[in-house]
């Protein structure tokens, strides 16, 4: 039974991810990592190239190449900060792209959920919350795990399970002096 459930979860997760990224890329015309970077930059303006890369799961050199490409496409621009550090800021085109990416992601996922009743959707939300809490234990970064999240949509009327897992971890570290 558990083997079947795990297989179904894996197939569904991959299909949902493929669908979500394909829809977003088709609408905006950028790679999956670039799409994540645009969404992250919209939620956290002024990140350094290194921090932006960390939040989307790229090395510093890969992040620099991605920001170069985004800058060439006029999605972002670099703004000097102290020393050699620069902040990555979205352009107007980048802000429109972030809005489009989140709207496309949301409508595509909502369309999938239409096959479930309201009660089933609530059950699924509870189960996904448990799974995301467990995934946070492996990933250890809410920024990375939620890089394509519509954060306002996640927290409207509820507590984000990933954010709560991160707060719980931080509290545990404070409680245990670490």
Protein backbone atom coordinates (compact mmCIF):
# COMPACT_ATOMS: atom_id res chain seq x y z
CA UNK A 1 0.00 0.00 0.00
CA UNK A 2 2.72 2.51 0.99
CA UNK A 3 4.73 1.69 -2.12
CA UNK A 4 1.72 2.55 -4.29
CA UNK A 5 1.11 5.77 -2.37
CA UNK A 6 4.74 6.80 -2.73
CA UNK A 7 4.65 6.04 -6.45
CA UNK A 8 1.43 8.00 -6.94
CA UNK A 9 2.87 10.94 -4.98
CA UNK A 10 6.04 10.90 -7.09
CA UNK A 11 4.14 10.80 -10.37
CA UNK A 12 1.75 13.55 -9.27
CA UNK A 13 4.56 15.76 -7.93
CA UNK A 14 6.53 15.48 -11.15
CA UNK A 15 3.48 16.08 -13.36
CA UNK A 16 2.37 19.09 -11.31
CA UNK A 17 5.88 20.54 -11.38
CA UNK A 18 6.22 19.98 -15.13
CA UNK A 19 2.82 21.55 -15.77
CA UNK A 20 3.44 24.52 -13.50
CA UNK A 21 6.87 25.30 -14.96
CA UNK A 22 5.81 24.74 -18.58
CA UNK A 23 2.83 27.08 -18.19
CA UNK A 24 4.97 29.75 -16.54
CA UNK A 25 7.80 29.46 -19.05
CA UNK A 26 5.39 29.58 -21.99
CA UNK A 27 3.75 32.76 -20.65
CA UNK A 28 6.97 34.58 -19.73
CA UNK A 29 9.65 32.87 -21.81
CA UNK A 30 12.38 32.27 -19.22
CA UNK A 31 13.96 29.18 -17.67
CA UNK A 32 12.70 27.54 -14.49
CA UNK A 33 15.57 28.90 -12.38
CA UNK A 34 15.14 32.37 -13.90
CA UNK A 35 11.40 32.22 -13.18
CA UNK A 36 12.15 31.31 -9.57
CA UNK A 37 14.68 34.16 -9.35
CA UNK A 38 12.16 36.69 -10.66
CA UNK A 39 9.54 35.54 -8.13
CA UNK A 40 12.08 35.58 -5.28
CA UNK A 41 13.33 39.04 -6.30
CA UNK A 42 9.74 40.31 -6.32
CA UNK A 43 9.20 39.06 -2.76
CA UNK A 44 12.63 40.19 -1.48
CA UNK A 45 13.92 43.19 -3.43
CA UNK A 46 17.59 44.10 -3.18
CA UNK A 47 19.08 40.67 -2.59
CA UNK A 48 22.71 40.17 -3.54
CA UNK A 49 23.47 37.89 -6.48
CA UNK A 50 24.82 35.28 -4.06
CA UNK A 51 21.75 35.39 -1.82
CA UNK A 52 19.40 35.25 -4.79
CA UNK A 53 21.32 32.22 -6.05
CA UNK A 54 21.14 30.54 -2.65
CA UNK A 55 17.38 31.03 -2.53
CA UNK A 56 16.87 29.41 -5.92
CA UNK A 57 19.41 26.62 -5.39
CA UNK A 58 22.28 27.86 -7.57
CA UNK A 59 25.98 28.26 -6.90
CA UNK A 60 27.37 31.80 -6.86
CA UNK A 61 28.85 31.44 -10.34
CA UNK A 62 25.63 29.97 -11.79
CA UNK A 63 23.63 32.73 -10.09
CA UNK A 64 25.91 35.38 -11.61
CA UNK A 65 25.40 33.89 -15.09
CA UNK A 66 21.63 33.76 -14.54
CA UNK A 67 21.53 37.40 -13.36
CA UNK A 68 23.64 38.36 -16.40
CA UNK A 69 21.06 36.69 -18.64
CA UNK A 70 18.13 38.28 -16.78
CA UNK A 71 19.83 41.66 -17.03
CA UNK A 72 20.39 41.23 -20.79
CA UNK A 73 16.68 40.45 -21.14
CA UNK A 74 15.88 43.57 -19.09
CA UNK A 75 14.11 41.56 -16.36
CA UNK A 76 16.47 42.84 -13.63
CA UNK A 77 19.17 45.43 -13.09
CA UNK A 78 22.05 45.56 -10.66
CA UNK A 79 22.30 48.40 -8.17
CA UNK A 80 25.65 49.04 -6.46
CA UNK A 81 25.81 48.59 -2.69
CA UNK A 82 28.77 48.74 -0.35
CA UNK A 83 32.10 47.50 -1.63
CA UNK A 84 31.82 45.12 -4.56
CA UNK A 85 28.37 43.91 -3.54
CA UNK A 86 25.42 44.66 -5.79
CA UNK A 87 21.69 44.37 -5.24
CA UNK A 88 19.46 42.70 -7.80
CA UNK A 89 16.30 44.70 -8.50
CA UNK A 90 13.43 43.88 -10.82
CA UNK A 91 12.70 46.22 -13.68
CA UNK A 92 9.10 47.07 -14.59
CA UNK A 93 9.27 44.19 -17.08
CA UNK A 94 10.51 41.90 -14.29
CA UNK A 95 7.70 42.95 -11.94
CA UNK A 96 5.11 42.23 -14.64
CA UNK A 97 6.78 38.85 -15.24
CA UNK A 98 6.65 37.98 -11.53
CA UNK A 99 2.95 38.85 -11.41
CA UNK A 100 2.32 36.77 -14.55
CA UNK A 101 4.31 33.82 -13.20
CA UNK A 102 2.39 33.77 -9.92
CA UNK A 103 -0.99 34.21 -11.63
CA UNK A 104 -0.21 31.46 -14.16
CA UNK A 105 1.03 29.13 -11.44
CA UNK A 106 -2.04 29.79 -9.34
CA UNK A 107 -4.60 29.34 -12.09
CA UNK A 108 -2.96 26.13 -13.33
CA UNK A 109 -2.88 24.61 -9.87
CA UNK A 110 -6.41 25.76 -9.03
CA UNK A 111 -7.60 24.11 -12.23
CA UNK A 112 -6.17 20.80 -11.05
CA UNK A 113 -7.94 21.08 -7.71
CA UNK A 114 -11.33 21.53 -9.37
CA UNK A 115 -11.75 17.73 -9.45
CA UNK A 116 -11.82 17.71 -5.63
CA UNK A 117 -14.71 18.74 -3.41
CA UNK A 118 -14.20 21.57 -0.95
CA UNK A 119 -13.79 19.05 1.88
CA UNK A 120 -11.26 17.04 -0.10
CA UNK A 121 -9.31 20.22 -0.84
CA UNK A 122 -9.18 21.01 2.90
CA UNK A 123 -7.99 17.45 3.62
CA UNK A 124 -5.36 17.75 0.92
CA UNK A 125 -4.20 21.09 2.34
CA UNK A 126 -3.74 19.49 5.77
CA UNK A 127 -1.83 16.54 4.30
CA UNK A 128 0.34 18.78 2.14
CA UNK A 129 1.11 20.86 5.23
CA UNK A 130 2.43 17.74 6.95
CA UNK A 131 4.49 16.78 3.91
CA UNK A 132 5.93 20.27 3.55
CA UNK A 133 6.88 20.32 7.23
CA UNK A 134 8.74 17.05 6.68
CA UNK A 135 10.36 18.36 3.49
CA UNK A 136 11.55 21.43 5.37
CA UNK A 137 13.47 19.10 7.72
CA UNK A 138 15.39 17.81 4.68
CA UNK A 139 15.82 21.09 2.79
CA UNK A 140 16.34 23.35 5.82
CA UNK A 141 15.45 26.55 3.96
CA UNK A 142 12.01 28.06 3.61
CA UNK A 143 13.41 30.41 0.96
CA UNK A 144 14.54 27.53 -1.21
CA UNK A 145 11.51 25.31 -0.59
CA UNK A 146 9.07 28.15 -1.31
CA UNK A 147 10.95 29.82 -4.16
CA UNK A 148 7.91 29.80 -6.46
CA UNK A 149 5.28 30.30 -3.77
CA UNK A 150 2.57 32.89 -3.77
CA UNK A 151 3.30 33.80 -0.16
CA UNK A 152 0.18 35.90 0.29
CA UNK A 153 -1.96 33.04 -1.01
CA UNK A 154 -0.33 30.59 1.38
CA UNK A 155 -0.89 32.67 4.48
CA UNK A 156 -4.38 34.03 3.78
CA UNK A 157 -6.46 32.62 6.62
CA UNK A 158 -3.84 30.04 7.60
CA UNK A 159 -0.29 29.61 8.84
CA UNK A 160 2.28 28.57 6.25
CA UNK A 161 3.53 25.12 7.33
CA UNK A 162 7.03 25.79 5.99
CA UNK A 163 7.28 29.14 7.76
CA UNK A 164 6.05 27.51 10.96
CA UNK A 165 8.61 24.71 10.63
CA UNK A 166 11.34 27.32 10.21
CA UNK A 167 10.15 29.27 13.27
CA UNK A 168 9.98 26.02 15.28
CA UNK A 169 13.54 25.12 14.27
CA UNK A 170 14.83 28.58 15.22
CA UNK A 171 13.02 28.41 18.57
CA UNK A 172 14.49 24.96 19.24
CA UNK A 173 17.97 26.27 18.49
CA UNK A 174 17.45 29.22 20.83
CA UNK A 175 16.10 26.92 23.55
CA UNK A 176 19.09 24.62 23.23
CA UNK A 177 21.72 27.33 22.90
CA UNK A 178 22.59 26.55 19.31
